[in-house]
């Protein structure tokens, strides 16, 4: 039977809210860099993703996983490594997803919609990787 009062559900809810805030940071910076600065999607994605990582570390450490241990010298580098793996996965998905959507023979989709759709799919996949890795590798107790 599903126990809704289990502490894991609270972590998943806080992680989801943190993820939505990070998505706002990530998508906002991504679109600003592409639309206003004319950056290529992968470079813009790298900067937007990196900005969201900094916000994510703070929120996940202190709010999602309620970790008050002053282990920043161990945790932050591990968090960054996990996030860089997520970035690599995200960049692959954004690159190939954008290319496949823009150059597909079945329907026409704008460049803006293609990279945002590819980013949304990548965000869902990377979310699962990040939660498991943060919980069991970074903020383990």
Protein backbone atom coordinates (compact mmCIF):
# COMPACT_ATOMS: atom_id res chain seq x y z
CA UNK A 1 0.00 0.00 0.00
CA UNK A 2 1.17 3.52 -0.80
CA UNK A 3 2.03 5.49 2.36
CA UNK A 4 1.50 9.16 1.46
CA UNK A 5 2.97 10.26 4.82
CA UNK A 6 6.37 8.72 4.11
CA UNK A 7 9.17 11.35 4.22
CA UNK A 8 10.20 10.41 0.67
CA UNK A 9 6.97 11.97 -0.67
CA UNK A 10 7.86 15.27 1.00
CA UNK A 11 11.28 15.15 -0.64
CA UNK A 12 9.74 14.40 -4.02
CA UNK A 13 7.28 17.30 -3.64
CA UNK A 14 10.02 19.75 -2.57
CA UNK A 15 12.29 18.46 -5.36
CA UNK A 16 9.48 19.00 -7.87
CA UNK A 17 8.88 22.58 -6.70
CA UNK A 18 12.62 23.25 -6.77
CA UNK A 19 12.71 21.77 -10.25
CA UNK A 20 9.94 24.09 -11.43
CA UNK A 21 11.80 27.12 -10.09
CA UNK A 22 15.00 25.90 -11.74
CA UNK A 23 13.12 25.31 -14.98
CA UNK A 24 12.03 28.95 -14.88
CA UNK A 25 15.64 30.05 -14.45
CA UNK A 26 16.84 27.58 -17.09
CA UNK A 27 14.20 28.31 -19.76
CA UNK A 28 14.29 32.06 -19.08
CA UNK A 29 18.04 32.35 -19.56
CA UNK A 30 17.96 29.93 -22.51
CA UNK A 31 15.40 32.03 -24.38
CA UNK A 32 17.05 35.35 -23.50
CA UNK A 33 20.41 34.15 -24.79
CA UNK A 34 18.97 32.72 -28.01
CA UNK A 35 16.40 35.42 -28.78
CA UNK A 36 18.21 38.55 -27.55
CA UNK A 37 21.86 37.59 -27.83
CA UNK A 38 21.64 35.29 -30.86
CA UNK A 39 23.47 32.39 -29.21
CA UNK A 40 23.37 28.83 -30.56
CA UNK A 41 21.04 26.56 -28.54
CA UNK A 42 23.76 24.30 -27.10
CA UNK A 43 25.86 27.23 -25.82
CA UNK A 44 22.80 28.98 -24.44
CA UNK A 45 21.70 25.70 -22.85
CA UNK A 46 25.11 25.34 -21.16
CA UNK A 47 24.84 28.78 -19.53
CA UNK A 48 21.18 28.44 -18.60
CA UNK A 49 21.72 24.95 -17.17
CA UNK A 50 24.78 26.11 -15.19
CA UNK A 51 22.86 29.03 -13.70
CA UNK A 52 20.07 26.69 -12.65
CA UNK A 53 22.64 24.35 -11.02
CA UNK A 54 23.72 27.05 -8.58
CA UNK A 55 20.11 27.80 -7.60
CA UNK A 56 19.41 24.07 -7.45
CA UNK A 57 22.29 23.30 -5.06
CA UNK A 58 21.12 25.85 -2.52
CA UNK A 59 17.45 24.86 -2.67
CA UNK A 60 18.09 21.11 -2.69
CA UNK A 61 20.66 21.16 0.09
CA UNK A 62 18.72 23.28 2.56
CA UNK A 63 15.09 22.71 1.58
CA UNK A 64 14.55 19.49 -0.39
CA UNK A 65 16.91 17.24 1.55
CA UNK A 66 17.10 19.43 4.69
CA UNK A 67 20.85 18.95 4.89
CA UNK A 68 22.42 21.33 7.39
CA UNK A 69 25.86 19.70 7.50
CA UNK A 70 28.63 22.13 6.48
CA UNK A 71 30.10 19.73 3.93
CA UNK A 72 30.23 22.12 0.98
CA UNK A 73 33.79 21.11 0.06
CA UNK A 74 32.63 17.53 -0.54
CA UNK A 75 29.04 18.07 -1.58
CA UNK A 76 29.30 20.93 -4.06
CA UNK A 77 31.92 19.26 -6.32
CA UNK A 78 29.88 16.02 -6.29
CA UNK A 79 26.73 18.04 -7.02
CA UNK A 80 28.51 19.74 -9.92
CA UNK A 81 29.73 16.39 -11.32
CA UNK A 82 26.21 14.95 -11.15
CA UNK A 83 24.89 18.13 -12.78
CA UNK A 84 27.55 18.05 -15.52
CA UNK A 85 26.50 14.50 -16.38
CA UNK A 86 22.94 15.84 -16.52
CA UNK A 87 24.14 18.74 -18.69
CA UNK A 88 25.79 16.34 -21.12
CA UNK A 89 22.59 14.33 -21.34
CA UNK A 90 20.55 17.52 -21.70
CA UNK A 91 22.81 18.92 -24.45
CA UNK A 92 22.63 15.66 -26.40
CA UNK A 93 18.85 15.63 -26.16
CA UNK A 94 18.52 19.34 -27.03
CA UNK A 95 20.90 19.04 -29.99
CA UNK A 96 19.38 15.90 -31.50
CA UNK A 97 15.83 16.82 -30.55
CA UNK A 98 16.09 20.26 -32.14
CA UNK A 99 17.67 18.82 -35.28
CA UNK A 100 15.08 16.05 -35.61
CA UNK A 101 12.15 18.39 -35.08
CA UNK A 102 13.36 21.12 -37.44
CA UNK A 103 14.34 18.71 -40.23
CA UNK A 104 11.47 16.23 -40.00
CA UNK A 105 9.53 15.46 -43.20
CA UNK A 106 6.15 14.98 -41.51
CA UNK A 107 5.26 18.40 -40.07
CA UNK A 108 6.62 21.92 -39.92
CA UNK A 109 7.73 23.28 -36.58
CA UNK A 110 9.51 26.55 -35.87
CA UNK A 111 13.05 26.66 -34.57
CA UNK A 112 11.81 28.27 -31.31
CA UNK A 113 9.28 25.51 -30.70
CA UNK A 114 11.76 22.80 -31.62
CA UNK A 115 14.44 23.75 -29.09
CA UNK A 116 11.86 24.41 -26.35
CA UNK A 117 10.17 21.06 -26.96
CA UNK A 118 13.55 19.29 -26.99
CA UNK A 119 14.49 21.10 -23.77
CA UNK A 120 11.22 20.07 -22.10
CA UNK A 121 11.80 16.40 -22.94
CA UNK A 122 15.40 16.60 -21.76
CA UNK A 123 14.32 18.28 -18.51
CA UNK A 124 12.03 15.36 -17.65
CA UNK A 125 14.72 12.79 -18.26
CA UNK A 126 17.44 14.72 -16.45
CA UNK A 127 15.07 15.31 -13.51
CA UNK A 128 14.97 11.58 -12.74
CA UNK A 129 18.76 11.25 -12.98
CA UNK A 130 19.28 14.31 -10.75
CA UNK A 131 16.87 13.27 -7.99
CA UNK A 132 18.37 9.82 -7.62
CA UNK A 133 21.96 11.02 -7.80
CA UNK A 134 21.45 13.97 -5.42
CA UNK A 135 19.63 11.79 -2.90
CA UNK A 136 22.02 8.85 -2.93
CA UNK A 137 25.36 10.41 -3.91
CA UNK A 138 25.37 14.05 -2.76
CA UNK A 139 23.09 14.48 0.24
CA UNK A 140 23.20 10.93 1.56
CA UNK A 141 22.80 10.50 5.28
